[in-house]
């Protein structure tokens, strides 16, 4: 289940990079996803 959540963070973050207004949020989603991957 945790891997599914991490994949969702990365997928949503990827879509956020398509909109200039959401790039910063997308960056944070990648950071959170990476941190979760380190702990799993």
N, C-alpha and C. Protein backbone atom coordinates (compact mmCIF):
# COMPACT_ATOMS: atom_id res chain seq x y z
N UNK A 1 0.83 -1.20 0.00
CA UNK A 1 0.00 0.00 0.00
C UNK A 1 0.86 1.26 0.00
N UNK A 2 1.95 1.23 0.75
CA UNK A 2 2.83 2.39 0.82
C UNK A 2 3.42 2.71 -0.55
N UNK A 3 3.80 1.68 -1.30
CA UNK A 3 4.36 1.91 -2.64
C UNK A 3 3.34 2.55 -3.57
N UNK A 4 2.08 2.18 -3.42
CA UNK A 4 1.01 2.78 -4.22
C UNK A 4 0.87 4.27 -3.89
N UNK A 5 0.95 4.60 -2.62
CA UNK A 5 0.87 6.00 -2.20
C UNK A 5 2.05 6.80 -2.74
N UNK A 6 3.23 6.23 -2.67
CA UNK A 6 4.42 6.91 -3.18
C UNK A 6 4.30 7.13 -4.69
N UNK A 7 3.83 6.12 -5.41
CA UNK A 7 3.64 6.26 -6.85
C UNK A 7 2.63 7.36 -7.16
N UNK A 8 1.59 7.47 -6.35
CA UNK A 8 0.58 8.52 -6.55
C UNK A 8 1.20 9.90 -6.36
N UNK A 9 2.05 10.06 -5.34
CA UNK A 9 2.72 11.35 -5.12
C UNK A 9 3.53 11.74 -6.35
N UNK A 10 4.30 10.78 -6.89
CA UNK A 10 5.13 11.07 -8.06
C UNK A 10 4.29 11.34 -9.31
N UNK A 11 3.21 10.61 -9.49
CA UNK A 11 2.35 10.82 -10.65
C UNK A 11 1.68 12.19 -10.59
N UNK A 12 1.13 12.54 -9.45
CA UNK A 12 0.49 13.85 -9.29
C UNK A 12 1.52 14.96 -9.46
N UNK A 13 2.70 14.77 -8.87
CA UNK A 13 3.77 15.76 -9.02
C UNK A 13 4.16 15.95 -10.47
N UNK A 14 4.17 14.87 -11.23
CA UNK A 14 4.51 14.98 -12.66
C UNK A 14 3.49 15.82 -13.41
N UNK A 15 2.21 15.62 -13.12
CA UNK A 15 1.17 16.43 -13.76
C UNK A 15 1.27 17.89 -13.33
N UNK A 16 1.66 18.14 -12.09
CA UNK A 16 1.79 19.52 -11.61
C UNK A 16 2.86 20.27 -12.41
N UNK A 17 3.87 19.57 -12.91
CA UNK A 17 4.92 20.24 -13.67
C UNK A 17 4.44 20.72 -15.04
N UNK A 18 3.25 20.31 -15.45
CA UNK A 18 2.70 20.77 -16.73
C UNK A 18 2.09 22.17 -16.62
N UNK A 19 1.86 22.63 -15.40
CA UNK A 19 1.26 23.94 -15.17
C UNK A 19 2.26 24.79 -14.39
N UNK A 20 2.66 25.93 -14.95
CA UNK A 20 3.67 26.77 -14.31
C UNK A 20 3.30 27.19 -12.90
N UNK A 21 2.02 27.37 -12.63
CA UNK A 21 1.59 27.81 -11.31
C UNK A 21 1.73 26.71 -10.25
N UNK A 22 1.85 25.46 -10.69
CA UNK A 22 1.89 24.33 -9.76
C UNK A 22 3.27 23.68 -9.64
N UNK A 23 4.28 24.26 -10.27
CA UNK A 23 5.61 23.65 -10.27
C UNK A 23 6.17 23.52 -8.85
N UNK A 24 5.98 24.54 -8.03
CA UNK A 24 6.51 24.47 -6.66
C UNK A 24 5.83 23.35 -5.87
N UNK A 25 4.52 23.22 -6.03
CA UNK A 25 3.80 22.13 -5.36
C UNK A 25 4.28 20.77 -5.87
N UNK A 26 4.51 20.69 -7.17
CA UNK A 26 5.03 19.45 -7.75
C UNK A 26 6.38 19.07 -7.18
N UNK A 27 7.22 20.07 -6.98
CA UNK A 27 8.53 19.83 -6.38
C UNK A 27 8.39 19.25 -4.98
N UNK A 28 7.48 19.82 -4.19
CA UNK A 28 7.25 19.31 -2.84
C UNK A 28 6.71 17.88 -2.85
N UNK A 29 5.86 17.57 -3.82
CA UNK A 29 5.36 16.20 -3.92
C UNK A 29 6.49 15.22 -4.21
N UNK A 30 7.43 15.61 -5.06
CA UNK A 30 8.59 14.76 -5.33
C UNK A 30 9.45 14.59 -4.08
N UNK A 31 9.64 15.66 -3.32
CA UNK A 31 10.44 15.59 -2.09
C UNK A 31 9.78 14.66 -1.08
N UNK A 32 8.47 14.81 -0.90
CA UNK A 32 7.74 13.95 0.04
C UNK A 32 7.78 12.49 -0.43
N UNK A 33 7.57 12.27 -1.71
CA UNK A 33 7.62 10.91 -2.25
C UNK A 33 8.99 10.28 -2.06
N UNK A 34 10.03 11.06 -2.26
CA UNK A 34 11.39 10.55 -2.08
C UNK A 34 11.66 10.22 -0.61
N UNK A 35 11.21 11.08 0.28
CA UNK A 35 11.40 10.83 1.71
C UNK A 35 10.64 9.57 2.15
N UNK A 36 9.44 9.39 1.63
CA UNK A 36 8.67 8.19 1.97
C UNK A 36 9.34 6.93 1.42
N UNK A 37 9.94 7.05 0.25
CA UNK A 37 10.63 5.90 -0.35
C UNK A 37 11.85 5.51 0.47
N UNK A 38 12.52 6.49 1.06
CA UNK A 38 13.68 6.20 1.90
C UNK A 38 13.30 5.43 3.15
N UNK A 39 12.10 5.69 3.66
CA UNK A 39 11.67 5.05 4.90
C UNK A 39 10.98 3.72 4.67
N UNK A 40 10.71 3.37 3.42
CA UNK A 40 10.00 2.10 3.18
C UNK A 40 10.94 1.01 2.75
